[in-house]
């Protein structure tokens, strides 16, 4: 059976950690995982969300309702032939 223990620490600039684990964790083989936040790099391929979030908002553009109305009109015109 596996058990899980989690703690949060600050990684110092020298990248050395000294961990004191609780006594209830028995001595022996363990696995250590380091989970950290990775910066998004907008130059990575496929990072469309990051790119889109950098674009300015066009507050003077057309409303969603106006665009949907034009789409409806276009679709309706297909049946008129």
N, C-alpha and C. Protein backbone atom coordinates (compact mmCIF):
# COMPACT_ATOMS: atom_id res chain seq x y z
N UNK A 1 0.84 -1.17 0.00
CA UNK A 1 0.00 0.00 0.00
C UNK A 1 0.89 1.24 0.00
N UNK A 2 0.49 2.22 -0.80
CA UNK A 2 1.24 3.47 -0.84
C UNK A 2 0.55 4.51 0.01
N UNK A 3 1.32 5.40 0.56
CA UNK A 3 0.80 6.53 1.32
C UNK A 3 1.37 7.81 0.70
N UNK A 4 0.78 8.91 1.07
CA UNK A 4 1.13 10.17 0.45
C UNK A 4 1.36 11.23 1.52
N UNK A 5 2.41 12.00 1.40
CA UNK A 5 2.68 13.12 2.31
C UNK A 5 3.04 14.32 1.46
N UNK A 6 2.48 15.46 1.78
CA UNK A 6 2.75 16.67 1.02
C UNK A 6 3.10 17.81 1.96
N UNK A 7 4.07 18.60 1.57
CA UNK A 7 4.43 19.81 2.29
C UNK A 7 4.86 20.85 1.28
N UNK A 8 4.75 22.11 1.65
CA UNK A 8 5.16 23.18 0.74
C UNK A 8 6.37 23.88 1.34
N UNK A 9 7.38 24.08 0.51
CA UNK A 9 8.60 24.75 0.94
C UNK A 9 8.98 25.80 -0.09
N UNK A 10 9.87 26.70 0.29
CA UNK A 10 10.42 27.68 -0.63
C UNK A 10 11.77 27.15 -1.11
N UNK A 11 11.91 27.06 -2.42
CA UNK A 11 13.17 26.59 -2.99
C UNK A 11 14.15 27.75 -2.98
N UNK A 12 15.28 27.61 -2.28
CA UNK A 12 16.24 28.71 -2.24
C UNK A 12 17.01 28.82 -3.56
N UNK A 13 17.70 29.92 -3.71
CA UNK A 13 18.44 30.20 -4.94
C UNK A 13 19.47 29.10 -5.22
N UNK A 14 20.03 28.50 -4.18
CA UNK A 14 21.05 27.46 -4.39
C UNK A 14 20.45 26.10 -4.75
N UNK A 15 19.12 26.00 -4.80
CA UNK A 15 18.39 24.79 -5.18
C UNK A 15 18.65 23.59 -4.26
N UNK A 16 19.04 23.82 -3.02
CA UNK A 16 19.27 22.74 -2.06
C UNK A 16 18.12 22.73 -1.06
N UNK A 17 17.54 21.54 -0.85
CA UNK A 17 16.48 21.38 0.12
C UNK A 17 16.93 20.45 1.23
N UNK A 18 16.53 20.75 2.46
CA UNK A 18 16.78 19.89 3.60
C UNK A 18 15.41 19.60 4.21
N UNK A 19 14.91 18.37 4.02
CA UNK A 19 13.57 18.02 4.45
C UNK A 19 13.60 17.22 5.74
N UNK A 20 12.73 17.58 6.68
CA UNK A 20 12.51 16.79 7.89
C UNK A 20 11.12 16.21 7.77
N UNK A 21 11.04 14.90 7.61
CA UNK A 21 9.75 14.24 7.43
C UNK A 21 9.20 13.78 8.78
N UNK A 22 7.89 13.63 8.87
CA UNK A 22 7.28 13.17 10.13
C UNK A 22 7.78 11.77 10.51
N UNK A 23 7.83 11.51 11.82
CA UNK A 23 8.32 10.23 12.33
C UNK A 23 7.48 9.04 11.88
N UNK A 24 6.18 9.27 11.56
CA UNK A 24 5.33 8.14 11.16
C UNK A 24 5.68 7.60 9.78
N UNK A 25 6.51 8.31 9.02
CA UNK A 25 6.98 7.79 7.73
C UNK A 25 8.18 6.89 8.02
N UNK A 26 8.06 5.59 7.71
CA UNK A 26 9.14 4.67 8.06
C UNK A 26 10.39 4.89 7.19
N UNK A 27 11.53 4.58 7.75
CA UNK A 27 12.79 4.66 7.00
C UNK A 27 12.75 3.63 5.88
N UNK A 28 13.36 3.94 4.78
CA UNK A 28 13.39 3.04 3.65
C UNK A 28 13.27 3.82 2.35
N UNK A 29 13.01 3.10 1.30
CA UNK A 29 12.95 3.69 -0.04
C UNK A 29 11.68 4.55 -0.18
N UNK A 30 11.85 5.77 -0.68
CA UNK A 30 10.73 6.68 -0.94
C UNK A 30 10.94 7.34 -2.29
N UNK A 31 9.88 7.93 -2.82
CA UNK A 31 9.98 8.73 -4.04
C UNK A 31 9.67 10.17 -3.67
N UNK A 32 10.43 11.09 -4.23
CA UNK A 32 10.22 12.52 -4.01
C UNK A 32 9.81 13.14 -5.34
N UNK A 33 8.73 13.91 -5.35
CA UNK A 33 8.28 14.62 -6.55
C UNK A 33 8.34 16.11 -6.27
N UNK A 34 8.80 16.86 -7.23
CA UNK A 34 8.83 18.32 -7.13
C UNK A 34 7.82 18.85 -8.15
N UNK A 35 6.82 19.56 -7.65
CA UNK A 35 5.78 20.12 -8.51
C UNK A 35 5.90 21.64 -8.42
N UNK A 36 6.04 22.28 -9.56
CA UNK A 36 6.26 23.73 -9.56
C UNK A 36 5.52 24.37 -10.72
N UNK A 37 5.32 25.66 -10.62
CA UNK A 37 4.66 26.43 -11.68
C UNK A 37 5.70 26.76 -12.74
N UNK A 38 5.37 26.45 -13.98
CA UNK A 38 6.27 26.72 -15.09
C UNK A 38 5.73 27.93 -15.84
N UNK A 39 6.63 28.86 -16.17
CA UNK A 39 6.21 30.03 -16.93
C UNK A 39 5.79 29.61 -18.32
N UNK A 40 4.71 30.23 -18.80
CA UNK A 40 4.29 30.00 -20.18
C UNK A 40 5.18 30.82 -21.09
N UNK A 41 5.70 30.18 -22.11
CA UNK A 41 6.55 30.87 -23.07
C UNK A 41 5.75 31.06 -24.35
N UNK A 42 5.46 32.30 -24.69
CA UNK A 42 4.60 32.55 -25.85
C UNK A 42 5.27 32.18 -27.16
N UNK A 43 6.56 31.82 -27.13
CA UNK A 43 7.22 31.41 -28.37
C UNK A 43 7.09 29.91 -28.61
N UNK A 44 6.55 29.18 -27.62
CA UNK A 44 6.38 27.74 -27.82
C UNK A 44 5.28 27.50 -28.84
N UNK A 45 5.49 26.56 -29.77
CA UNK A 45 4.45 26.27 -30.75
C UNK A 45 3.17 25.78 -30.07
N UNK A 46 2.04 26.19 -30.61
CA UNK A 46 0.77 25.71 -30.09
C UNK A 46 0.27 26.44 -28.86
N UNK A 47 0.91 27.54 -28.48
CA UNK A 47 0.49 28.25 -27.29
C UNK A 47 -0.49 29.36 -27.68
N UNK A 48 -1.60 28.98 -28.29
CA UNK A 48 -2.57 29.94 -28.80
C UNK A 48 -3.25 30.71 -27.68
N UNK A 49 -3.58 30.05 -26.59
CA UNK A 49 -4.26 30.72 -25.48
C UNK A 49 -3.41 31.87 -24.93
N UNK A 50 -2.12 31.62 -24.77
CA UNK A 50 -1.23 32.66 -24.28
C UNK A 50 -1.18 33.82 -25.26
N UNK A 51 -1.09 33.52 -26.55
CA UNK A 51 -1.05 34.57 -27.57
C UNK A 51 -2.33 35.40 -27.56
N UNK A 52 -3.47 34.73 -27.51
CA UNK A 52 -4.75 35.44 -27.52
C UNK A 52 -4.90 36.34 -26.30
N UNK A 53 -4.37 35.91 -25.16
CA UNK A 53 -4.50 36.73 -23.95
C UNK A 53 -3.66 37.99 -24.03
N UNK A 54 -2.71 38.05 -24.96
CA UNK A 54 -1.88 39.26 -25.09
C UNK A 54 -2.50 40.29 -26.03
N UNK A 55 -3.52 39.89 -26.79
CA UNK A 55 -4.13 40.81 -27.75
C UNK A 55 -5.01 41.83 -27.03
N UNK A 56 -5.01 43.06 -27.50
CA UNK A 56 -5.88 44.06 -26.88
C UNK A 56 -7.35 43.79 -27.22
N UNK A 57 -8.22 44.17 -26.31
CA UNK A 57 -9.65 44.02 -26.55
C UNK A 57 -10.12 45.14 -27.46
N UNK A 58 -10.96 44.80 -28.40
CA UNK A 58 -11.53 45.80 -29.30
C UNK A 58 -12.93 46.11 -28.79
N UNK A 59 -13.03 47.07 -27.90
CA UNK A 59 -14.31 47.38 -27.28
C UNK A 59 -15.24 48.13 -28.23
N UNK A 60 -14.73 48.62 -29.36
CA UNK A 60 -15.56 49.34 -30.30
C UNK A 60 -16.03 48.43 -31.44
N UNK A 61 -15.74 47.15 -31.33
CA UNK A 61 -16.13 46.20 -32.37
C UNK A 61 -17.62 45.88 -32.32
N UNK A 62 -18.03 44.95 -33.16
CA UNK A 62 -19.43 44.54 -33.24
C UNK A 62 -19.80 43.68 -32.03
N UNK A 63 -21.05 43.75 -31.67
CA UNK A 63 -21.53 42.95 -30.54
C UNK A 63 -21.75 41.50 -31.00
N UNK A 64 -21.78 40.61 -30.03
CA UNK A 64 -22.08 39.20 -30.34
C UNK A 64 -23.44 39.07 -31.00
N UNK A 65 -24.40 39.82 -30.49
CA UNK A 65 -25.76 39.75 -31.05
C UNK A 65 -25.77 40.19 -32.51
N UNK A 66 -25.02 41.24 -32.83
CA UNK A 66 -24.96 41.73 -34.20
C UNK A 66 -24.33 40.68 -35.13
N UNK A 67 -23.28 40.04 -34.67
CA UNK A 67 -22.60 39.02 -35.48
C UNK A 67 -23.52 37.82 -35.68
N UNK A 68 -24.18 37.38 -34.61
CA UNK A 68 -25.09 36.24 -34.72
C UNK A 68 -26.26 36.56 -35.64
N UNK A 69 -26.75 37.80 -35.61
CA UNK A 69 -27.84 38.20 -36.50
C UNK A 69 -27.38 38.13 -37.95
N UNK A 70 -26.15 38.59 -38.24
CA UNK A 70 -25.64 38.52 -39.62
C UNK A 70 -25.49 37.07 -40.07
N UNK A 71 -25.01 36.21 -39.19
CA UNK A 71 -24.87 34.79 -39.54
C UNK A 71 -26.25 34.20 -39.85
N UNK A 72 -27.24 34.54 -39.02
CA UNK A 72 -28.60 34.04 -39.25
C UNK A 72 -29.12 34.53 -40.60
N UNK A 73 -28.90 35.79 -40.91
CA UNK A 73 -29.35 36.33 -42.20
C UNK A 73 -28.66 35.62 -43.37
N UNK A 74 -27.37 35.36 -43.23
CA UNK A 74 -26.64 34.66 -44.29
C UNK A 74 -27.19 33.25 -44.48
N UNK A 75 -27.41 32.55 -43.37
CA UNK A 75 -27.94 31.18 -43.47
C UNK A 75 -29.34 31.17 -44.05
N UNK A 76 -30.14 32.13 -43.64
CA UNK A 76 -31.50 32.22 -44.17
C UNK A 76 -31.48 32.48 -45.68
N UNK A 77 -30.51 33.24 -46.16
CA UNK A 77 -30.44 33.56 -47.59
C UNK A 77 -30.10 32.33 -48.44
N UNK A 78 -29.50 31.32 -47.83
CA UNK A 78 -29.17 30.10 -48.58
C UNK A 78 -30.43 29.39 -49.06
N UNK A 79 -31.49 29.52 -48.30
CA UNK A 79 -32.75 28.83 -48.64
C UNK A 79 -33.57 29.59 -49.68
N UNK A 80 -33.19 30.80 -50.02
CA UNK A 80 -33.98 31.64 -50.92
C UNK A 80 -33.75 31.30 -52.38
N UNK A 81 -32.84 30.45 -52.72
CA UNK A 81 -32.55 30.16 -54.14
C UNK A 81 -33.49 29.16 -54.72
